[in-house]
Amino acid sequence: MRLVLPILLAMVLTPIVSMSPAHSQDATVYVVSYIDVTPAARGTVAGMLRQLATASRKDEGNTRFEILQRTAPSNQFTIVSIWKDQKAYDAHVAAAHTRDFRENIKPHLISAIDDRLHNGMEIAGAAANAPRGAIYVVTHVDVPPPRKDECIAALKTLVADSRKEGGGVRFEVFQQGNRPNHFSVVETWKNQKAYDDHITAPHTRKFRDQLTPMSGALYDERTYKAL
């Protein structure tokens, strides 16, 4: 009996030990927030967003906070922010400047702010500063859950090929936390020509040909300028 007990304990504890690496994943939180306001309020909201960005970039745990205005229609905005961990993001959400912004923007909204929290999937290192006139792109990609892994493989190939292009500043993919078959592709290109070259490149066309049969929605690619 004295020999059996240690063996049983070892059998019970072994799965616990083997699971531990799963908790060492990157804790960084990647957030993409979509904001649609009335056309008449776009100037006012742009100013409010600039103030929010100034305050939020001082929040503990923030590593990136970009305010983007869609090229057309220009009353649509997107915030791309990166936080050290969930605690840092939660503190930002609870901060006075965030709560004030969310309250003050309500009269101008034409739909609720759509916040999407992600894990990092293909994250770039420190990127060079984007030049004046840079084109920012945010694309929402989703596929039915059984096609998730197939989509991930196609996205990884797109990332690898796109990062070799001379006009790129940053090319990343975030994977949505609560729906892992949804992704946000976040790109920055030096200028319009660089972006035009990318969307007509053979590897981009190949990706779109692969994605279309498995896509769960229209290919929602939006271009922006930084505020």
C-alpha atoms as a PDB file:
ATOM      1  CA  MET A   1       0.000   0.000   0.000  1.00  0.00           C
ATOM      2  CA  ARG A   2       2.879   2.378   0.793  1.00  0.00           C
ATOM      3  CA  LEU A   3       4.173   1.883  -2.756  1.00  0.00           C
ATOM      4  CA  VAL A   4       0.787   2.302  -4.442  1.00  0.00           C
ATOM      5  CA  LEU A   5      -0.035   5.700  -2.879  1.00  0.00           C
ATOM      6  CA  PRO A   6       2.986   7.592  -4.322  1.00  0.00           C
ATOM      7  CA  ILE A   7       2.276   6.096  -7.754  1.00  0.00           C
ATOM      8  CA  LEU A   8      -1.349   7.249  -7.633  1.00  0.00           C
ATOM      9  CA  LEU A   9      -0.288  10.728  -6.562  1.00  0.00           C
ATOM     10  CA  ALA A  10       2.173  10.912  -9.439  1.00  0.00           C
ATOM     11  CA  MET A  11      -0.538   9.893 -11.912  1.00  0.00           C
ATOM     12  CA  VAL A  12      -2.866  12.612 -10.611  1.00  0.00           C
ATOM     13  CA  LEU A  13      -0.258  15.360 -10.626  1.00  0.00           C
ATOM     14  CA  THR A  14       1.248  14.606 -14.047  1.00  0.00           C
ATOM     15  CA  PRO A  15      -1.563  16.229 -16.119  1.00  0.00           C
ATOM     16  CA  ILE A  16      -1.392  19.350 -13.960  1.00  0.00           C
ATOM     17  CA  VAL A  17       2.292  19.783 -14.647  1.00  0.00           C
ATOM     18  CA  SER A  18       1.870  19.181 -18.386  1.00  0.00           C
ATOM     19  CA  MET A  19      -0.805  21.882 -18.645  1.00  0.00           C
ATOM     20  CA  SER A  20       1.336  24.625 -17.109  1.00  0.00           C
ATOM     21  CA  PRO A  21       2.910  25.927 -20.376  1.00  0.00           C
ATOM     22  CA  ALA A  22      -0.552  26.970 -21.586  1.00  0.00           C
ATOM     23  CA  HIS A  23      -0.534  29.737 -18.992  1.00  0.00           C
ATOM     24  CA  SER A  24       2.703  31.238 -20.293  1.00  0.00           C
ATOM     25  CA  GLN A  25       1.006  32.700 -23.405  1.00  0.00           C
ATOM     26  CA  ASP A  26       1.338  36.387 -24.238  1.00  0.00           C
ATOM     27  CA  ALA A  27      -1.017  38.306 -21.932  1.00  0.00           C
ATOM     28  CA  THR A  28      -1.078  41.406 -24.145  1.00  0.00           C
ATOM     29  CA  VAL A  29      -4.550  42.674 -25.073  1.00  0.00           C
ATOM     30  CA  TYR A  30      -5.111  44.060 -28.588  1.00  0.00           C
ATOM     31  CA  VAL A  31      -8.256  46.159 -28.972  1.00  0.00           C
ATOM     32  CA  VAL A  32      -9.944  47.417 -32.123  1.00  0.00           C
ATOM     33  CA  SER A  33     -12.857  49.788 -31.462  1.00  0.00           C
ATOM     34  CA  TYR A  34     -15.197  50.931 -34.248  1.00  0.00           C
ATOM     35  CA  ILE A  35     -16.972  54.267 -33.789  1.00  0.00           C
ATOM     36  CA  ASP A  36     -19.691  55.573 -36.156  1.00  0.00           C
ATOM     37  CA  VAL A  37     -21.018  59.098 -35.593  1.00  0.00           C
ATOM     38  CA  THR A  38     -23.327  61.490 -37.407  1.00  0.00           C
ATOM     39  CA  PRO A  39     -21.658  63.168 -40.407  1.00  0.00           C
ATOM     40  CA  ALA A  40     -22.205  66.609 -38.886  1.00  0.00           C
ATOM     41  CA  ALA A  41     -20.318  65.596 -35.719  1.00  0.00           C
ATOM     42  CA  ARG A  42     -17.169  64.184 -37.336  1.00  0.00           C
ATOM     43  CA  GLY A  43     -15.080  67.306 -36.609  1.00  0.00           C
ATOM     44  CA  THR A  44     -16.227  67.477 -33.005  1.00  0.00           C
ATOM     45  CA  VAL A  45     -15.635  63.773 -32.464  1.00  0.00           C
ATOM     46  CA  ALA A  46     -12.184  63.956 -34.054  1.00  0.00           C
ATOM     47  CA  GLY A  47     -11.236  66.535 -31.425  1.00  0.00           C
ATOM     48  CA  MET A  48     -12.666  64.394 -28.644  1.00  0.00           C
ATOM     49  CA  LEU A  49     -10.707  61.387 -29.883  1.00  0.00           C
ATOM     50  CA  ARG A  50      -7.451  63.354 -29.978  1.00  0.00           C
ATOM     51  CA  GLN A  51      -7.985  64.344 -26.336  1.00  0.00           C
ATOM     52  CA  LEU A  52      -8.750  60.722 -25.428  1.00  0.00           C
ATOM     53  CA  ALA A  53      -5.568  59.567 -27.142  1.00  0.00           C
ATOM     54  CA  THR A  54      -3.414  62.123 -25.323  1.00  0.00           C
ATOM     55  CA  ALA A  55      -4.743  60.976 -21.946  1.00  0.00           C
ATOM     56  CA  SER A  56      -4.813  57.249 -22.749  1.00  0.00           C
ATOM     57  CA  ARG A  57      -1.209  57.128 -23.924  1.00  0.00           C
ATOM     58  CA  LYS A  58      -0.270  58.064 -20.360  1.00  0.00           C
ATOM     59  CA  ASP A  59      -2.230  55.151 -18.885  1.00  0.00           C
ATOM     60  CA  GLU A  60      -0.081  52.519 -17.235  1.00  0.00           C
ATOM     61  CA  GLY A  61       0.334  49.492 -19.463  1.00  0.00           C
ATOM     62  CA  ASN A  62      -0.481  51.204 -22.757  1.00  0.00           C
ATOM     63  CA  THR A  63       1.965  50.485 -25.573  1.00  0.00           C
ATOM     64  CA  ARG A  64       0.002  51.826 -28.556  1.00  0.00           C
ATOM     65  CA  PHE A  65      -3.045  54.042 -29.016  1.00  0.00           C
ATOM     66  CA  GLU A  66      -3.861  55.008 -32.606  1.00  0.00           C
ATOM     67  CA  ILE A  67      -6.840  57.110 -33.657  1.00  0.00           C
ATOM     68  CA  LEU A  68      -7.848  56.486 -37.270  1.00  0.00           C
ATOM     69  CA  GLN A  69     -10.430  58.322 -39.395  1.00  0.00           C
ATOM     70  CA  ARG A  70     -11.857  56.459 -42.349  1.00  0.00           C
ATOM     71  CA  THR A  71     -11.120  57.992 -45.726  1.00  0.00           C
ATOM     72  CA  ALA A  72     -14.744  57.488 -46.779  1.00  0.00           C
ATOM     73  CA  PRO A  73     -17.161  57.829 -45.138  1.00  0.00           C
ATOM     74  CA  SER A  74     -15.218  60.184 -42.890  1.00  0.00           C
ATOM     75  CA  ASN A  75     -17.697  59.949 -40.002  1.00  0.00           C
ATOM     76  CA  GLN A  76     -16.328  56.509 -39.103  1.00  0.00           C
ATOM     77  CA  PHE A  77     -13.370  56.137 -36.744  1.00  0.00           C
ATOM     78  CA  THR A  78     -11.352  53.258 -35.368  1.00  0.00           C
ATOM     79  CA  ILE A  79      -9.136  53.058 -32.288  1.00  0.00           C
ATOM     80  CA  VAL A  80      -6.320  50.498 -32.355  1.00  0.00           C
ATOM     81  CA  SER A  81      -4.843  50.118 -28.885  1.00  0.00           C
ATOM     82  CA  ILE A  82      -2.475  47.666 -27.228  1.00  0.00           C
ATOM     83  CA  TRP A  83      -2.304  46.979 -23.497  1.00  0.00           C
ATOM     84  CA  LYS A  84       0.204  45.099 -21.376  1.00  0.00           C
ATOM     85  CA  ASP A  85      -2.500  42.822 -19.983  1.00  0.00           C
ATOM     86  CA  GLN A  86      -6.207  42.631 -19.171  1.00  0.00           C
ATOM     87  CA  LYS A  87      -5.709  44.484 -15.897  1.00  0.00           C
ATOM     88  CA  ALA A  88      -4.178  47.458 -17.712  1.00  0.00           C
ATOM     89  CA  TYR A  89      -7.028  47.538 -20.226  1.00  0.00           C
ATOM     90  CA  ASP A  90      -9.659  47.277 -17.481  1.00  0.00           C
ATOM     91  CA  ALA A  91      -8.008  50.185 -15.648  1.00  0.00           C
ATOM     92  CA  HIS A  92      -8.139  52.236 -18.849  1.00  0.00           C
ATOM     93  CA  VAL A  93     -11.834  51.472 -19.320  1.00  0.00           C
ATOM     94  CA  ALA A  94     -12.504  52.570 -15.732  1.00  0.00           C
ATOM     95  CA  ALA A  95     -10.373  55.742 -15.975  1.00  0.00           C
ATOM     96  CA  ALA A  96     -12.134  59.093 -15.735  1.00  0.00           C
ATOM     97  CA  HIS A  97     -10.991  60.258 -19.182  1.00  0.00           C
ATOM     98  CA  THR A  98     -12.387  57.107 -20.807  1.00  0.00           C
ATOM     99  CA  ARG A  99     -15.692  57.281 -18.957  1.00  0.00           C
ATOM    100  CA  ASP A 100     -16.044  60.991 -19.796  1.00  0.00           C
ATOM    101  CA  PHE A 101     -15.344  60.334 -23.466  1.00  0.00           C
ATOM    102  CA  ARG A 102     -17.865  57.488 -23.640  1.00  0.00           C
ATOM    103  CA  GLU A 103     -20.517  59.634 -21.978  1.00  0.00           C
ATOM    104  CA  ASN A 104     -19.879  62.776 -24.023  1.00  0.00           C
ATOM    105  CA  ILE A 105     -19.860  60.990 -27.379  1.00  0.00           C
ATOM    106  CA  LYS A 106     -23.268  59.362 -26.867  1.00  0.00           C
ATOM    107  CA  PRO A 107     -25.322  62.181 -28.511  1.00  0.00           C
ATOM    108  CA  HIS A 108     -23.176  61.873 -31.661  1.00  0.00           C
ATOM    109  CA  LEU A 109     -23.255  58.094 -32.103  1.00  0.00           C
ATOM    110  CA  ILE A 110     -25.367  56.421 -34.786  1.00  0.00           C
ATOM    111  CA  SER A 111     -24.571  52.979 -33.380  1.00  0.00           C
ATOM    112  CA  ALA A 112     -22.986  51.643 -30.208  1.00  0.00           C
ATOM    113  CA  ILE A 113     -19.175  51.619 -30.022  1.00  0.00           C
ATOM    114  CA  ASP A 114     -18.016  48.170 -31.123  1.00  0.00           C
ATOM    115  CA  ASP A 115     -15.035  47.066 -28.989  1.00  0.00           C
ATOM    116  CA  ARG A 116     -13.294  43.884 -30.105  1.00  0.00           C
ATOM    117  CA  LEU A 117     -10.661  42.349 -27.815  1.00  0.00           C
ATOM    118  CA  HIS A 118      -7.993  40.181 -29.362  1.00  0.00           C
ATOM    119  CA  ASN A 119      -4.963  38.046 -28.709  1.00  0.00           C
ATOM    120  CA  GLY A 120      -1.864  38.587 -30.792  1.00  0.00           C
ATOM    121  CA  MET A 121      -1.418  36.197 -33.696  1.00  0.00           C
ATOM    122  CA  GLU A 122       1.093  37.818 -36.063  1.00  0.00           C
ATOM    123  CA  ILE A 123       2.603  40.824 -34.296  1.00  0.00           C
ATOM    124  CA  ALA A 124       5.287  43.041 -35.779  1.00  0.00           C
ATOM    125  CA  GLY A 125       8.293  44.260 -33.861  1.00  0.00           C
ATOM    126  CA  ALA A 126       8.905  47.947 -33.314  1.00  0.00           C
ATOM    127  CA  ALA A 127       7.891  49.606 -36.576  1.00  0.00           C
ATOM    128  CA  ALA A 128       9.402  52.716 -38.091  1.00  0.00           C
ATOM    129  CA  ASN A 129       7.379  55.877 -37.658  1.00  0.00           C
ATOM    130  CA  ALA A 130       4.734  56.139 -40.357  1.00  0.00           C
ATOM    131  CA  PRO A 131       5.416  59.032 -42.744  1.00  0.00           C
ATOM    132  CA  ARG A 132       2.973  61.839 -43.386  1.00  0.00           C
ATOM    133  CA  GLY A 133       0.307  60.621 -45.779  1.00  0.00           C
ATOM    134  CA  ALA A 134       0.567  56.987 -44.687  1.00  0.00           C
ATOM    135  CA  ILE A 135      -2.388  54.731 -45.422  1.00  0.00           C
ATOM    136  CA  TYR A 136      -3.797  52.722 -42.521  1.00  0.00           C
ATOM    137  CA  VAL A 137      -5.924  49.650 -43.180  1.00  0.00           C
ATOM    138  CA  VAL A 138      -8.083  47.606 -40.814  1.00  0.00           C
ATOM    139  CA  THR A 139      -9.816  44.523 -42.190  1.00  0.00           C
ATOM    140  CA  HIS A 140     -12.230  42.263 -40.343  1.00  0.00           C
ATOM    141  CA  VAL A 141     -11.977  38.648 -41.486  1.00  0.00           C
ATOM    142  CA  ASP A 142     -14.243  35.873 -40.254  1.00  0.00           C
ATOM    143  CA  VAL A 143     -14.846  32.304 -41.345  1.00  0.00           C
ATOM    144  CA  PRO A 144     -17.052  29.463 -40.048  1.00  0.00           C
ATOM    145  CA  PRO A 145     -15.351  27.745 -37.072  1.00  0.00           C
ATOM    146  CA  PRO A 146     -14.461  24.553 -39.031  1.00  0.00           C
ATOM    147  CA  ARG A 147     -12.395  26.677 -41.449  1.00  0.00           C
ATOM    148  CA  LYS A 148     -10.505  28.556 -38.717  1.00  0.00           C
ATOM    149  CA  ASP A 149      -7.194  26.719 -39.039  1.00  0.00           C
ATOM    150  CA  GLU A 150      -7.319  26.940 -42.831  1.00  0.00           C
ATOM    151  CA  CYS A 151      -7.865  30.694 -42.561  1.00  0.00           C
ATOM    152  CA  ILE A 152      -4.993  31.055 -40.078  1.00  0.00           C
ATOM    153  CA  ALA A 153      -2.628  29.289 -42.468  1.00  0.00           C
ATOM    154  CA  ALA A 154      -3.676  31.604 -45.314  1.00  0.00           C
ATOM    155  CA  LEU A 155      -3.277  34.683 -43.113  1.00  0.00           C
ATOM    156  CA  LYS A 156       0.187  33.650 -41.987  1.00  0.00           C
ATOM    157  CA  THR A 157       1.281  33.252 -45.606  1.00  0.00           C
ATOM    158  CA  LEU A 158      -0.194  36.660 -46.464  1.00  0.00           C
ATOM    159  CA  VAL A 159       1.682  38.257 -43.562  1.00  0.00           C
ATOM    160  CA  ALA A 160       5.005  36.687 -44.540  1.00  0.00           C
ATOM    161  CA  ASP A 161       4.674  37.799 -48.171  1.00  0.00           C
ATOM    162  CA  SER A 162       3.321  41.270 -47.384  1.00  0.00           C
ATOM    163  CA  ARG A 163       6.151  42.087 -44.982  1.00  0.00           C
ATOM    164  CA  LYS A 164       8.595  41.656 -47.856  1.00  0.00           C
ATOM    165  CA  GLU A 165       7.023  44.528 -49.784  1.00  0.00           C
ATOM    166  CA  GLY A 166       9.064  47.710 -49.855  1.00  0.00           C
ATOM    167  CA  GLY A 167       6.200  50.081 -49.084  1.00  0.00           C
ATOM    168  CA  GLY A 168       5.046  48.503 -45.849  1.00  0.00           C
ATOM    169  CA  VAL A 169       5.444  50.054 -42.396  1.00  0.00           C
ATOM    170  CA  ARG A 170       3.545  47.471 -40.308  1.00  0.00           C
ATOM    171  CA  PHE A 171       1.479  44.346 -41.066  1.00  0.00           C
ATOM    172  CA  GLU A 172      -0.213  42.466 -38.208  1.00  0.00           C
ATOM    173  CA  VAL A 173      -3.046  40.060 -37.460  1.00  0.00           C
ATOM    174  CA  PHE A 174      -5.022  39.985 -34.201  1.00  0.00           C
ATOM    175  CA  GLN A 175      -7.247  37.001 -33.276  1.00  0.00           C
ATOM    176  CA  GLN A 176     -10.469  37.771 -31.446  1.00  0.00           C
ATOM    177  CA  GLY A 177     -10.508  36.311 -27.941  1.00  0.00           C
ATOM    178  CA  ASN A 178     -14.158  35.321 -27.607  1.00  0.00           C
ATOM    179  CA  ARG A 179     -14.523  34.223 -31.247  1.00  0.00           C
ATOM    180  CA  PRO A 180     -11.213  32.751 -32.444  1.00  0.00           C
ATOM    181  CA  ASN A 181     -12.541  32.350 -35.993  1.00  0.00           C
ATOM    182  CA  HIS A 182     -12.625  36.179 -36.284  1.00  0.00           C
ATOM    183  CA  PHE A 183      -9.506  38.213 -37.065  1.00  0.00           C
ATOM    184  CA  SER A 184      -8.425  41.834 -37.509  1.00  0.00           C
ATOM    185  CA  VAL A 185      -5.739  42.542 -40.094  1.00  0.00           C
ATOM    186  CA  VAL A 186      -4.032  45.848 -39.222  1.00  0.00           C
ATOM    187  CA  GLU A 187      -1.704  47.414 -41.785  1.00  0.00           C
ATOM    188  CA  THR A 188       0.224  50.637 -42.380  1.00  0.00           C
ATOM    189  CA  TRP A 189       1.585  51.588 -45.811  1.00  0.00           C
ATOM    190  CA  LYS A 190       3.939  54.459 -46.632  1.00  0.00           C
ATOM    191  CA  ASN A 191       1.617  56.042 -49.187  1.00  0.00           C
ATOM    192  CA  GLN A 192      -1.253  55.366 -51.570  1.00  0.00           C
ATOM    193  CA  LYS A 193       1.003  53.813 -54.202  1.00  0.00           C
ATOM    194  CA  ALA A 194       2.422  51.332 -51.704  1.00  0.00           C
ATOM    195  CA  TYR A 195      -1.088  50.305 -50.724  1.00  0.00           C
ATOM    196  CA  ASP A 196      -2.198  50.054 -54.369  1.00  0.00           C
ATOM    197  CA  ASP A 197       0.825  47.869 -55.129  1.00  0.00           C
ATOM    198  CA  HIS A 198      -0.070  45.609 -52.203  1.00  0.00           C
ATOM    199  CA  ILE A 199      -3.713  45.021 -53.107  1.00  0.00           C
ATOM    200  CA  THR A 200      -2.750  44.138 -56.692  1.00  0.00           C
ATOM    201  CA  ALA A 201       0.207  41.913 -55.721  1.00  0.00           C
ATOM    202  CA  PRO A 202      -0.073  38.211 -56.655  1.00  0.00           C
ATOM    203  CA  HIS A 203       0.097  37.043 -53.018  1.00  0.00           C
ATOM    204  CA  THR A 204      -2.762  39.373 -52.014  1.00  0.00           C
ATOM    205  CA  ARG A 205      -4.927  38.186 -54.877  1.00  0.00           C
ATOM    206  CA  LYS A 206      -4.127  34.582 -53.990  1.00  0.00           C
ATOM    207  CA  PHE A 207      -5.170  35.165 -50.373  1.00  0.00           C
ATOM    208  CA  ARG A 208      -8.488  36.684 -51.404  1.00  0.00           C
ATOM    209  CA  ASP A 209      -9.152  33.822 -53.802  1.00  0.00           C
ATOM    210  CA  GLN A 210      -8.507  31.374 -50.933  1.00  0.00           C
ATOM    211  CA  LEU A 211     -10.611  33.344 -48.452  1.00  0.00           C
ATOM    212  CA  THR A 212     -13.747  33.948 -50.526  1.00  0.00           C
ATOM    213  CA  PRO A 213     -15.070  30.353 -50.513  1.00  0.00           C
ATOM    214  CA  MET A 214     -14.619  30.027 -46.745  1.00  0.00           C
ATOM    215  CA  SER A 215     -15.535  33.552 -45.647  1.00  0.00           C
ATOM    216  CA  GLY A 216     -18.426  34.076 -43.256  1.00  0.00           C
ATOM    217  CA  ALA A 217     -19.016  37.686 -44.384  1.00  0.00           C
ATOM    218  CA  LEU A 218     -18.009  40.227 -46.988  1.00  0.00           C
ATOM    219  CA  TYR A 219     -14.317  41.130 -47.012  1.00  0.00           C
ATOM    220  CA  ASP A 220     -14.510  44.271 -44.856  1.00  0.00           C
ATOM    221  CA  GLU A 221     -11.357  46.221 -45.706  1.00  0.00           C
ATOM    222  CA  ARG A 222     -11.340  49.866 -44.556  1.00  0.00           C
ATOM    223  CA  THR A 223      -8.724  52.521 -45.268  1.00  0.00           C
ATOM    224  CA  TYR A 224      -7.928  55.340 -42.865  1.00  0.00           C
ATOM    225  CA  LYS A 225      -5.703  58.287 -42.104  1.00  0.00           C
ATOM    226  CA  ALA A 226      -4.189  58.840 -38.671  1.00  0.00           C
ATOM    227  CA  LEU A 227      -5.421  61.743 -36.532  1.00  0.00           C
END
